[in-house]
Amino acid sequence: MIPVVSSKKRRAFGELFSAPQAHYALRDRYDTNQTVIRVRRSSDNAETDVTSSQVGAWLVAWVGVGNDGFVVTWYDLTTNGNDATQATSTDQPKIVDSGALVTENGLPAVEFDDDFFEFDSLLPARSLFWVQLATEPAQNDTNAVLGSVDLGPGTADSYIFFPTPDLGAAYKISLDGAGGDTGSYWKNGQLIGSGANVGSSTMTMDERFSHSVILDSAPSTSYSFLGRFEASNVVRYAVGTMQEFIAYSTDQSANRAAINRQLGADYGLQVYSSFFNDLPQLPQAHYSLKSRYGNDQTVIRVRRSSDNAETDFKESELTDGTLTTWTGANDGFVVTWYDLTSNSNDATQATSTNQPKIVDSGALNTENGFPAVEFDGTDDILEFDSAITARSIFCIFSKIDGVGNNAASVGSSTWNGSGSSYVFFPTESHAGDYYVSLDGGGDATSTDSGSAWSNGTYLGNGGNIGAEPLADSTLLESSVIYDSGAPKYDFTQIGSNSVSSTTFSNFRLSEWLAYSTDQSANRAAIDAQLMADYSIS
């Protein structure tokens, strides 16, 4: 169960989440009035420990008018005692600047200016959460967050840094040390992407964000520094402010969204949250005419029939008149249905005569008042950029009583004889009296089977499931979970049982998503969410 952040009573972090491997903050997290930092004042180099309640007027008075206060130790607030320390005075980050407390949004912050901390013990952290404002360094092309010691040429260094515009890199954050670390990155709760170098542009400097990274596995080399990394004889430091840093040695995907929301509430940050974005696992691919992982995402690319011009459209532009104004009284065809996840496995069709339709003679195609992409049952098909190994599938569609004998089909690249996998919903003209077929023939020794639900109601298990074909022109939510492992063959397209088949589907599709894993634990919640989103009862 995901914990709920209460605005009435602030609960201890340890009450809401499991204890991390290390936790550094300027506020209480596990007890009342915890000792959070040790500070050195510039006037006489005296040092003192400071509790959370003293980070303010008391600390400023102790440092003195016009003096600076530097952080010697940022204490680990967990019981692990892995403090972040800096004995060298010139490398100590600042907490008081010329007699004024360093703050961001009125809350205390530690200021880095080519400064860093070293952990008492190596930190093999897999899940990381922190609140930071990164500024552009005067001389360096990267802004360090975390790093390991450079062990020499050819070693598996690990680091996390933000590139600055000077680097000329088209990504927001790098997780890729020489060890080849990969993972996913969220900024203010919104998924930015996955991989080694994540995002499509450099990070916006001088803005404060809640950041989170979950690595695909433990880092190649455990981290040694906060605010510094070393790699191939290069050393880079942090510049900016940090208010909190949390590290787990385990995969915290199940708690990631809740921790993001907690940090957002604590630091006055607007954290993005949505049902699909906040699930423990992201789909392998997700096609929708609604934004699912960000505000007003770009969802499709459309070609208009009058002059074959093409342009991208956001969710809001489908219904606010932008799309139909652009097409005029003509047709609009889908060239690309964008994968809304960070996997970027788009569904595309370059051949104009095979493109499904989103605008018909100037009118937006809709079902239940929601935009829908129409496949004509003759030759319309969208092909995935990369084949999808789908164990769990969810879709929102309606069958059109017209051409073809099935609807909402997805299939593999091969056909019977050499083996195939597919999911299709037969129409009345089909010979079978069932609701959905998963049995693509597999091969001579194997066929596909699974369980299916319609509008959240269980239909049965097997290769051909249900007692009757689906009704015409009725918007439905359907879900399929294969029995064991993935289907025999990977799926390559929507709209046909296979690329080589002449069997196409006549239907309207509003959403389709697939997971490579068994989503039985989340199936009911996903079904309910999709039904609510499309007013299906």
Protein backbone atom coordinates (compact mmCIF):
# COMPACT_ATOMS: atom_id res chain seq x y z
CA MET A 1 0.00 0.00 0.00
CA ILE A 2 1.36 3.43 -0.97
CA PRO A 3 1.57 5.73 2.08
CA VAL A 4 -0.38 8.96 1.94
CA VAL A 5 1.23 12.29 2.77
CA SER A 6 -0.86 14.10 5.37
CA SER A 7 -0.95 17.88 5.48
CA LYS A 8 -2.31 17.85 9.04
CA LYS A 9 0.41 15.88 10.77
CA ARG A 10 3.97 15.39 9.56
CA ARG A 11 4.97 11.80 10.20
CA ALA A 12 8.53 10.58 10.54
CA PHE A 13 10.11 9.32 7.33
CA GLY A 14 10.71 5.97 9.01
CA GLU A 15 6.98 5.58 9.66
CA LEU A 16 6.19 5.98 5.98
CA PHE A 17 9.04 4.12 4.31
CA SER A 18 11.64 1.49 5.07
CA ALA A 19 14.94 2.83 6.37
CA PRO A 20 17.42 3.67 3.61
CA GLN A 21 21.09 2.80 3.49
CA ALA A 22 21.98 6.43 4.20
CA HIS A 23 19.97 9.62 4.67
CA TYR A 24 21.19 13.22 4.89
CA ALA A 25 18.80 16.10 5.60
CA LEU A 26 18.53 19.35 7.55
CA ARG A 27 15.25 18.30 9.15
CA ASP A 28 14.10 15.51 11.45
CA ARG A 29 13.43 12.24 9.68
CA TYR A 30 13.54 9.47 12.30
CA ASP A 31 13.43 11.19 15.68
CA THR A 32 12.75 14.55 17.30
CA ASN A 33 15.44 17.24 17.10
CA GLN A 34 18.07 15.03 15.49
CA THR A 35 21.66 16.21 15.16
CA VAL A 36 21.92 16.88 11.42
CA ILE A 37 25.26 18.62 10.75
CA ARG A 38 28.57 19.67 12.29
CA VAL A 39 29.58 23.23 11.41
CA ARG A 40 32.86 25.15 11.41
CA ARG A 41 32.75 28.95 11.65
CA SER A 42 35.21 31.02 9.67
CA SER A 43 36.11 33.51 12.44
CA ASP A 44 38.04 31.07 14.65
CA ASN A 45 37.54 27.60 13.08
CA ALA A 46 35.54 26.48 16.12
CA GLU A 47 33.21 23.54 15.42
CA THR A 48 29.89 22.45 16.89
CA ASP A 49 27.13 19.94 16.25
CA VAL A 50 23.80 21.40 15.19
CA THR A 51 20.34 19.87 15.65
CA SER A 52 17.45 20.34 13.24
CA SER A 53 15.83 22.98 15.48
CA GLN A 54 19.11 24.94 15.62
CA VAL A 55 19.44 25.22 11.83
CA GLY A 56 18.23 28.80 11.74
CA ALA A 57 18.56 31.71 14.12
CA TRP A 58 20.66 29.78 16.64
CA LEU A 59 23.18 28.69 14.03
CA VAL A 60 23.42 32.17 12.49
CA ALA A 61 24.05 33.68 15.94
CA TRP A 62 26.75 31.10 16.71
CA VAL A 63 28.55 31.73 13.41
CA GLY A 64 28.43 35.48 14.00
CA VAL A 65 27.74 38.60 12.00
CA GLY A 66 29.51 38.65 8.65
CA ASN A 67 31.08 35.20 9.12
CA ASP A 68 30.65 31.98 7.15
CA GLY A 69 29.59 28.58 8.44
CA PHE A 70 30.95 25.47 6.72
CA VAL A 71 29.65 21.91 7.00
CA VAL A 72 32.30 19.56 8.35
CA THR A 73 29.94 16.59 8.67
CA TRP A 74 26.49 15.89 7.26
CA TYR A 75 25.26 13.20 9.61
CA ASP A 76 23.57 10.05 8.39
CA LEU A 77 20.17 10.20 10.09
CA THR A 78 19.69 6.44 9.97
CA THR A 79 21.23 4.09 12.52
CA ASN A 80 23.88 3.03 9.97
CA GLY A 81 26.10 5.98 10.89
CA ASN A 82 27.55 6.43 7.39
CA ASP A 83 28.27 10.14 7.75
CA ALA A 84 29.34 12.39 4.87
CA THR A 85 32.42 14.32 5.98
CA GLN A 86 34.98 16.85 4.75
CA ALA A 87 38.10 17.52 6.84
CA THR A 88 39.73 19.91 4.35
CA SER A 89 38.43 23.40 5.09
CA THR A 90 38.68 24.65 1.51
CA ASP A 91 36.48 21.79 0.27
CA GLN A 92 33.71 22.19 2.84
CA PRO A 93 30.25 23.19 1.59
CA LYS A 94 28.60 26.23 3.18
CA ILE A 95 25.50 26.55 5.36
CA VAL A 96 25.90 30.21 6.48
CA ASP A 97 27.10 32.86 4.02
CA SER A 98 28.34 36.19 5.46
CA GLY A 99 26.06 35.84 8.47
CA ALA A 100 22.97 34.71 6.52
CA LEU A 101 21.56 31.20 6.48
CA VAL A 102 21.72 29.56 3.05
CA THR A 103 18.13 28.77 2.03
CA GLU A 104 16.02 27.68 -0.95
CA ASN A 105 12.32 28.51 -0.86
CA GLY A 106 12.79 29.63 2.75
CA LEU A 107 14.21 26.26 3.85
CA PRO A 108 17.84 25.56 4.86
CA ALA A 109 20.21 24.26 2.20
CA VAL A 110 23.85 23.19 1.92
CA GLU A 111 25.72 25.20 -0.73
CA PHE A 112 28.36 23.51 -2.91
CA ASP A 113 30.91 25.55 -4.86
CA ASP A 114 33.35 22.94 -6.18
CA ASP A 115 32.99 21.34 -2.73
CA PHE A 116 32.19 17.76 -1.76
CA PHE A 117 31.72 15.20 1.02
CA GLU A 118 33.24 11.75 1.36
CA PHE A 119 31.16 8.93 2.81
CA ASP A 120 32.60 7.15 5.85
CA SER A 121 31.80 3.84 4.13
CA LEU A 122 31.34 3.04 0.45
CA LEU A 123 27.76 3.42 -0.72
CA PRO A 124 26.51 0.70 -3.14
CA ALA A 125 23.26 2.60 -3.73
CA ARG A 126 20.71 1.41 -6.29
CA SER A 127 17.84 3.86 -5.57
CA LEU A 128 18.59 7.53 -4.98
CA PHE A 129 16.42 10.52 -4.05
CA TRP A 130 17.60 14.09 -3.55
CA VAL A 131 16.51 17.74 -3.62
CA GLN A 132 19.04 19.92 -5.43
CA LEU A 133 19.43 23.17 -7.31
CA ALA A 134 22.29 22.77 -9.77
CA THR A 135 24.00 25.87 -11.17
CA GLU A 136 26.36 26.02 -14.11
CA PRO A 137 30.01 25.76 -12.99
CA ALA A 138 32.31 28.53 -14.15
CA GLN A 139 34.94 26.18 -15.53
CA ASN A 140 33.55 22.65 -15.73
CA ASP A 141 31.16 21.10 -18.22
CA THR A 142 29.47 18.82 -15.70
CA ASN A 143 27.85 19.24 -12.30
CA ALA A 144 28.58 16.24 -10.09
CA VAL A 145 26.02 14.57 -7.86
CA LEU A 146 27.67 11.32 -6.86
CA GLY A 147 30.78 9.37 -7.78
CA SER A 148 33.26 6.64 -7.07
CA VAL A 149 37.04 6.85 -6.78
CA ASP A 150 38.93 6.69 -10.08
CA LEU A 151 40.73 3.37 -9.85
CA GLY A 152 42.70 3.92 -13.04
CA PRO A 153 42.29 3.32 -16.80
CA GLY A 154 39.87 0.58 -17.74
CA THR A 155 38.22 0.40 -14.33
CA ALA A 156 34.45 0.40 -13.81
CA ASP A 157 33.90 3.89 -12.42
CA SER A 158 30.37 4.82 -11.37
CA TYR A 159 28.96 8.34 -11.24
CA ILE A 160 25.88 10.53 -11.60
CA PHE A 161 26.16 14.04 -13.00
CA PHE A 162 24.22 16.76 -14.77
CA PRO A 163 25.81 17.98 -18.02
CA THR A 164 25.94 21.74 -18.51
CA PRO A 165 25.28 23.40 -21.88
CA ASP A 166 29.07 23.65 -22.33
CA LEU A 167 29.30 19.88 -22.64
CA GLY A 168 27.15 19.96 -25.76
CA ALA A 169 25.44 16.71 -24.71
CA ALA A 170 21.82 16.09 -25.57
CA TYR A 171 20.80 14.55 -22.24
CA LYS A 172 19.73 15.72 -18.80
CA ILE A 173 21.63 13.33 -16.55
CA SER A 174 24.36 10.74 -16.94
CA LEU A 175 24.38 7.48 -14.98
CA ASP A 176 27.02 5.90 -17.18
CA GLY A 177 30.42 5.44 -15.62
CA ALA A 178 32.98 3.18 -17.27
CA GLY A 179 31.09 0.28 -15.71
CA GLY A 180 28.11 0.86 -17.98
CA ASP A 181 25.51 1.65 -15.30
CA THR A 182 21.96 2.19 -16.56
CA GLY A 183 18.68 3.14 -14.93
CA SER A 184 15.69 5.47 -14.95
CA TYR A 185 15.49 9.12 -13.92
CA TRP A 186 12.54 11.16 -12.64
CA LYS A 187 12.51 14.95 -12.16
CA ASN A 188 9.81 16.29 -9.83
CA GLY A 189 8.14 12.90 -10.10
CA GLN A 190 7.93 12.91 -13.89
CA LEU A 191 9.72 10.17 -15.79
CA ILE A 192 12.43 11.69 -17.98
CA GLY A 193 13.77 8.47 -19.42
CA SER A 194 15.84 5.34 -19.04
CA GLY A 195 19.28 4.26 -20.12
CA ALA A 196 22.83 5.42 -19.47
CA ASN A 197 22.51 9.05 -20.57
CA VAL A 198 18.92 10.09 -19.96
CA GLY A 199 16.76 12.85 -21.42
CA SER A 200 16.72 14.79 -24.66
CA SER A 201 18.40 18.04 -23.55
CA THR A 202 20.68 19.33 -20.83
CA MET A 203 19.28 19.99 -17.36
CA THR A 204 17.81 23.43 -16.69
CA MET A 205 20.35 25.11 -14.43
CA ASP A 206 19.46 27.35 -11.49
CA GLU A 207 16.16 25.57 -10.85
CA ARG A 208 15.45 23.42 -7.83
CA PHE A 209 14.05 19.93 -8.40
CA SER A 210 13.31 16.70 -6.58
CA HIS A 211 15.41 14.08 -8.37
CA SER A 212 15.21 10.31 -8.27
CA VAL A 213 17.24 7.60 -9.95
CA ILE A 214 16.69 3.86 -9.83
CA LEU A 215 19.52 1.87 -11.35
CA ASP A 216 18.80 -1.37 -13.19
CA SER A 217 21.27 -3.10 -10.87
CA ALA A 218 23.77 -2.12 -8.21
CA PRO A 219 26.40 0.38 -9.42
CA SER A 220 29.55 -1.17 -10.90
CA THR A 221 31.61 0.55 -8.24
CA SER A 222 30.23 1.75 -4.91
CA TYR A 223 30.00 5.51 -4.49
CA SER A 224 32.60 7.34 -2.41
CA PHE A 225 31.62 10.99 -2.79
CA LEU A 226 28.62 13.29 -2.59
CA GLY A 227 29.25 16.24 -4.88
CA ARG A 228 32.28 14.80 -6.69
CA PHE A 229 33.18 12.13 -9.23
CA GLU A 230 36.45 10.85 -10.64
CA ALA A 231 36.82 9.08 -13.97
CA SER A 232 39.71 8.68 -16.44
CA ASN A 233 41.85 11.24 -14.61
CA VAL A 234 38.98 13.77 -14.69
CA VAL A 235 37.57 15.22 -11.45
CA ARG A 236 34.33 17.18 -11.33
CA TYR A 237 32.47 18.79 -8.42
CA ALA A 238 29.01 19.98 -7.45
CA VAL A 239 27.93 23.60 -7.79
CA GLY A 240 24.58 24.64 -6.33
CA THR A 241 22.55 23.74 -3.26
CA MET A 242 21.27 20.48 -1.82
CA GLN A 243 18.66 20.06 0.90
CA GLU A 244 18.31 16.30 1.23
CA PHE A 245 19.91 13.12 -0.10
CA ILE A 246 18.61 9.55 0.38
CA ALA A 247 20.20 6.30 -0.79
CA TYR A 248 18.83 2.75 -0.80
CA SER A 249 20.80 -0.36 -1.71
CA THR A 250 17.57 -1.94 -2.97
CA ASP A 251 15.13 -1.32 -5.82
CA GLN A 252 12.57 1.18 -4.48
CA SER A 253 10.29 1.20 -7.53
CA ALA A 254 7.31 0.31 -5.35
CA ASN A 255 7.88 3.38 -3.13
CA ARG A 256 9.36 5.76 -5.71
CA ALA A 257 6.22 7.79 -6.40
CA ALA A 258 5.34 8.11 -2.72
CA ILE A 259 8.86 9.27 -1.79
CA ASN A 260 8.73 11.81 -4.63
CA ARG A 261 5.41 13.13 -3.32
CA GLN A 262 6.75 13.31 0.23
CA LEU A 263 9.81 15.33 -0.81
CA GLY A 264 7.63 17.58 -2.96
CA ALA A 265 5.34 18.32 -0.02
CA ASP A 266 8.29 18.91 2.33
CA TYR A 267 10.08 21.35 0.04
CA GLY A 268 7.22 23.12 -1.73
CA LEU A 269 7.84 21.47 -5.11
CA GLN A 270 5.12 20.69 -7.64
CA VAL A 271 5.61 16.95 -8.14
CA TYR A 272 3.99 15.25 -11.12
CA SER A 273 1.77 12.31 -10.29
CA SER A 274 -0.49 10.11 -12.38
CA PHE A 275 -1.82 6.57 -12.11
CA PHE A 276 0.44 4.97 -14.70
CA ASN A 277 3.46 7.11 -13.85
CA ASP A 278 3.19 6.03 -10.21
CA LEU A 279 2.79 2.28 -10.71
CA PRO A 280 5.79 0.24 -9.51
CA GLN A 281 6.62 -0.82 -13.08
CA LEU A 282 6.32 1.07 -16.35
CA PRO A 283 4.85 -0.68 -19.40
CA GLN A 284 7.09 -1.93 -22.16
CA ALA A 285 5.10 0.27 -24.53
CA HIS A 286 2.10 2.56 -24.11
CA TYR A 287 0.05 4.20 -26.88
CA SER A 288 -2.73 6.56 -25.85
CA LEU A 289 -4.44 9.76 -26.94
CA LYS A 290 -4.21 10.88 -23.30
CA SER A 291 -1.06 12.05 -21.49
CA ARG A 292 0.11 9.31 -19.14
CA TYR A 293 3.65 10.21 -18.03
CA GLY A 294 3.82 14.00 -18.27
CA ASN A 295 1.77 17.13 -18.73
CA ASP A 296 0.20 17.37 -22.19
CA GLN A 297 2.46 14.86 -23.92
CA THR A 298 2.88 14.70 -27.70
CA VAL A 299 0.77 11.66 -28.60
CA ILE A 300 0.58 11.33 -32.41
CA ARG A 301 1.98 12.54 -35.70
CA VAL A 302 -0.69 13.21 -38.37
CA ARG A 303 -0.68 13.54 -42.18
CA ARG A 304 -3.45 15.58 -43.80
CA SER A 305 -4.90 14.38 -47.08
CA SER A 306 -4.99 17.74 -48.85
CA ASP A 307 -1.23 18.21 -49.24
CA ASN A 308 0.39 15.33 -47.29
CA ALA A 309 1.87 17.76 -44.77
CA GLU A 310 2.72 16.18 -41.40
CA THR A 311 2.88 17.54 -37.84
CA ASP A 312 2.92 16.36 -34.24
CA PHE A 313 -0.01 16.90 -31.88
CA LYS A 314 -0.26 17.00 -28.09
CA GLU A 315 -3.17 15.55 -26.15
CA SER A 316 -4.84 18.94 -25.68
CA GLU A 317 -4.58 19.75 -29.39
CA LEU A 318 -6.75 16.79 -30.35
CA THR A 319 -9.83 18.23 -28.65
CA ASP A 320 -9.29 22.01 -28.57
CA GLY A 321 -9.74 22.39 -32.33
CA THR A 322 -6.05 22.62 -33.22
CA LEU A 323 -6.02 19.28 -35.06
CA THR A 324 -9.23 19.73 -37.05
CA THR A 325 -8.36 23.35 -37.88
CA TRP A 326 -5.05 22.11 -39.28
CA THR A 327 -6.67 19.34 -41.36
CA GLY A 328 -9.58 21.51 -42.50
CA ALA A 329 -12.45 19.60 -44.12
CA ASN A 330 -10.00 16.87 -45.09
CA ASP A 331 -8.85 13.58 -43.59
CA GLY A 332 -6.09 13.17 -41.03
CA PHE A 333 -4.06 9.95 -40.95
CA VAL A 334 -1.79 8.68 -38.19
CA VAL A 335 1.83 8.44 -39.31
CA THR A 336 3.18 7.77 -35.82
CA TRP A 337 1.51 6.84 -32.56
CA TYR A 338 4.17 7.74 -30.02
CA ASP A 339 5.15 5.40 -27.22
CA LEU A 340 4.52 7.56 -24.16
CA THR A 341 7.02 5.68 -22.01
CA SER A 342 10.74 6.37 -22.00
CA ASN A 343 11.31 3.31 -24.21
CA SER A 344 10.30 5.32 -27.31
CA ASN A 345 9.05 2.24 -29.16
CA ASP A 346 6.75 4.15 -31.48
CA ALA A 347 4.07 2.56 -33.69
CA THR A 348 4.52 3.92 -37.23
CA GLN A 349 3.28 3.63 -40.81
CA ALA A 350 5.19 5.29 -43.64
CA THR A 351 2.91 4.06 -46.44
CA SER A 352 0.03 6.52 -46.77
CA THR A 353 -2.54 3.97 -47.95
CA ASN A 354 -1.94 1.86 -44.82
CA GLN A 355 -2.28 4.66 -42.27
CA PRO A 356 -5.24 4.56 -39.85
CA LYS A 357 -7.44 7.64 -39.58
CA ILE A 358 -7.92 10.15 -36.73
CA VAL A 359 -9.90 12.84 -38.64
CA ASP A 360 -12.63 11.97 -41.17
CA SER A 361 -13.68 14.78 -43.54
CA GLY A 362 -12.82 17.42 -40.93
CA ALA A 363 -14.43 15.62 -37.96
CA LEU A 364 -12.43 14.05 -35.13
CA ASN A 365 -13.00 10.31 -34.74
CA THR A 366 -14.38 9.64 -31.27
CA GLU A 367 -15.91 6.88 -29.14
CA ASN A 368 -17.81 7.80 -25.97
CA GLY A 369 -16.73 11.36 -26.73
CA PHE A 370 -13.02 10.47 -26.57
CA PRO A 371 -10.59 10.64 -29.53
CA ALA A 372 -9.97 7.32 -31.28
CA VAL A 373 -7.81 6.03 -34.14
CA GLU A 374 -9.82 4.14 -36.78
CA PHE A 375 -8.42 1.09 -38.61
CA ASP A 376 -10.36 0.33 -41.81
CA GLY A 377 -10.16 -3.49 -41.79
CA THR A 378 -8.69 -3.51 -45.29
CA ASP A 379 -5.03 -2.56 -45.03
CA ASP A 380 -4.45 -0.20 -42.07
CA ILE A 381 -1.63 -1.20 -39.78
CA LEU A 382 0.88 0.40 -37.39
CA GLU A 383 4.21 -1.35 -36.90
CA PHE A 384 6.27 -1.15 -33.71
CA ASP A 385 9.78 0.22 -34.05
CA SER A 386 10.94 -2.78 -32.01
CA ALA A 387 9.13 -6.07 -31.47
CA ILE A 388 7.24 -6.26 -28.16
CA THR A 389 7.48 -9.25 -25.82
CA ALA A 390 4.13 -8.73 -24.12
CA ARG A 391 2.92 -10.85 -21.20
CA SER A 392 0.13 -8.46 -20.07
CA ILE A 393 -1.94 -6.36 -22.49
CA PHE A 394 -4.62 -3.72 -21.85
CA CYS A 395 -6.65 -1.83 -24.47
CA ILE A 396 -9.60 0.51 -25.01
CA PHE A 397 -11.38 -0.10 -28.33
CA SER A 398 -14.67 -0.51 -30.17
CA LYS A 399 -15.46 -2.86 -33.06
CA ILE A 400 -16.94 -1.38 -36.23
CA ASP A 401 -19.57 -3.50 -37.99
CA GLY A 402 -17.98 -3.34 -41.39
CA VAL A 403 -14.97 -4.85 -43.09
CA GLY A 404 -13.01 -7.73 -41.57
CA ASN A 405 -13.75 -10.52 -39.16
CA ASN A 406 -11.84 -9.33 -36.13
CA ALA A 407 -11.07 -6.21 -34.14
CA ALA A 408 -8.26 -4.66 -32.13
CA SER A 409 -5.78 -7.30 -33.22
CA VAL A 410 -2.09 -7.33 -32.44
CA GLY A 411 0.19 -9.91 -34.01
CA SER A 412 3.64 -11.27 -34.68
CA SER A 413 5.60 -10.93 -37.90
CA THR A 414 4.97 -14.51 -39.04
CA TRP A 415 1.85 -16.46 -39.92
CA ASN A 416 0.57 -20.03 -39.59
CA GLY A 417 2.96 -22.50 -41.14
CA SER A 418 6.02 -20.89 -39.60
CA GLY A 419 4.28 -20.01 -36.33
CA SER A 420 2.61 -16.87 -35.02
CA SER A 421 1.23 -15.17 -31.92
CA TYR A 422 -1.76 -12.84 -31.87
CA VAL A 423 -4.60 -11.35 -29.87
CA PHE A 424 -7.84 -10.67 -31.72
CA PHE A 425 -11.53 -10.17 -30.99
CA PRO A 426 -13.78 -11.95 -33.53
CA THR A 427 -16.85 -10.33 -35.06
CA GLU A 428 -20.18 -12.01 -35.75
CA SER A 429 -18.94 -13.02 -39.21
CA HIS A 430 -16.13 -15.04 -37.67
CA ALA A 431 -16.72 -18.76 -37.30
CA GLY A 432 -15.79 -18.89 -33.63
CA ASP A 433 -18.20 -18.22 -30.78
CA TYR A 434 -15.76 -16.62 -28.36
CA TYR A 435 -14.76 -13.17 -27.16
CA VAL A 436 -10.99 -13.17 -27.67
CA SER A 437 -8.42 -15.46 -29.27
CA LEU A 438 -4.84 -15.75 -28.05
CA ASP A 439 -4.07 -18.94 -29.93
CA GLY A 440 -1.90 -17.93 -32.85
CA GLY A 441 -0.89 -21.49 -33.58
CA GLY A 442 2.52 -20.96 -31.93
CA ASP A 443 4.20 -23.80 -33.82
CA ALA A 444 3.78 -27.52 -34.12
CA THR A 445 4.53 -28.05 -30.44
CA SER A 446 3.21 -24.95 -28.73
CA THR A 447 0.15 -22.71 -28.61
CA ASP A 448 -0.46 -19.53 -26.61
CA SER A 449 -3.03 -19.32 -23.80
CA GLY A 450 -3.95 -16.98 -21.00
CA SER A 451 -6.75 -15.27 -19.10
CA ALA A 452 -8.95 -12.43 -20.31
CA TRP A 453 -11.20 -9.79 -18.77
CA SER A 454 -13.76 -7.46 -20.37
CA ASN A 455 -14.62 -4.26 -18.51
CA GLY A 456 -13.04 -5.84 -15.45
CA THR A 457 -15.14 -9.02 -15.62
CA TYR A 458 -13.29 -12.32 -15.85
CA LEU A 459 -14.10 -14.24 -19.03
CA GLY A 460 -12.02 -17.38 -18.65
CA ASN A 461 -8.70 -18.99 -19.50
CA GLY A 462 -7.40 -20.78 -22.57
CA GLY A 463 -6.59 -20.11 -26.20
CA ASN A 464 -10.08 -19.00 -27.28
CA ILE A 465 -11.88 -17.33 -24.39
CA GLY A 466 -15.49 -16.33 -23.75
CA ALA A 467 -18.88 -17.43 -25.02
CA GLU A 468 -19.70 -14.89 -27.74
CA PRO A 469 -18.21 -12.21 -30.00
CA LEU A 470 -18.15 -8.62 -28.79
CA ALA A 471 -20.91 -6.15 -29.58
CA ASP A 472 -20.70 -3.59 -32.37
CA SER A 473 -19.75 0.04 -31.77
CA THR A 474 -19.42 -0.36 -28.00
CA LEU A 475 -16.38 1.06 -26.25
CA LEU A 476 -14.74 -1.71 -24.24
CA GLU A 477 -11.83 -2.13 -21.87
CA SER A 478 -10.12 -5.48 -22.27
CA SER A 479 -7.11 -7.07 -20.60
CA VAL A 480 -5.15 -10.23 -21.32
CA ILE A 481 -2.47 -11.91 -19.21
CA TYR A 482 -0.63 -14.87 -20.70
CA ASP A 483 -0.31 -18.00 -18.60
CA SER A 484 3.40 -18.65 -18.51
CA GLY A 485 6.10 -16.38 -19.78
CA ALA A 486 5.56 -14.32 -22.88
CA PRO A 487 3.66 -15.40 -26.02
CA LYS A 488 5.57 -17.72 -28.34
CA TYR A 489 6.44 -14.90 -30.74
CA ASP A 490 7.00 -11.18 -30.20
CA PHE A 491 4.33 -8.77 -31.40
CA THR A 492 5.26 -6.47 -34.27
CA GLN A 493 2.12 -4.53 -35.21
CA ILE A 494 -1.39 -3.32 -34.36
CA GLY A 495 -4.22 -3.80 -36.86
CA SER A 496 -3.38 -7.20 -38.28
CA ASN A 497 -2.73 -10.72 -37.02
CA SER A 498 0.63 -10.68 -38.80
CA VAL A 499 2.60 -8.57 -41.25
CA SER A 500 2.27 -11.26 -43.91
CA SER A 501 -1.46 -11.78 -43.31
CA THR A 502 -4.32 -10.28 -45.32
CA THR A 503 -6.52 -10.40 -42.20
CA PHE A 504 -6.89 -6.83 -40.94
CA SER A 505 -8.98 -5.36 -38.15
CA ASN A 506 -11.90 -2.93 -38.43
CA PHE A 507 -12.04 -1.03 -35.14
CA ARG A 508 -11.36 2.20 -33.29
CA LEU A 509 -8.57 2.22 -30.74
CA SER A 510 -8.05 4.84 -28.01
CA GLU A 511 -5.37 3.18 -25.89
CA TRP A 512 -3.10 0.12 -25.93
CA LEU A 513 -0.37 -0.81 -23.46
CA ALA A 514 1.76 -3.87 -22.86
CA TYR A 515 3.94 -5.15 -20.05
CA SER A 516 6.64 -7.77 -20.45
CA THR A 517 5.75 -9.07 -16.99
CA ASP A 518 2.75 -10.64 -15.28
CA GLN A 519 0.60 -7.74 -14.06
CA SER A 520 -1.93 -9.85 -12.15
CA ALA A 521 -1.27 -7.85 -8.99
CA ASN A 522 -2.12 -4.57 -10.74
CA ARG A 523 -4.65 -5.87 -13.29
CA ALA A 524 -7.82 -4.90 -11.41
CA ALA A 525 -6.50 -1.41 -10.64
CA ILE A 526 -5.44 -0.84 -14.27
CA ASP A 527 -8.80 -2.09 -15.56
CA ALA A 528 -10.66 0.22 -13.16
CA GLN A 529 -8.49 3.23 -14.04
CA LEU A 530 -8.97 2.77 -17.78
CA MET A 531 -12.71 2.30 -17.39
CA ALA A 532 -12.96 5.47 -15.31
CA ASP A 533 -10.86 7.44 -17.81
CA TYR A 534 -13.18 6.49 -20.68
CA SER A 535 -16.51 6.58 -18.80
CA ILE A 536 -17.05 2.84 -19.18
CA SER A 537 -19.39 1.31 -16.63
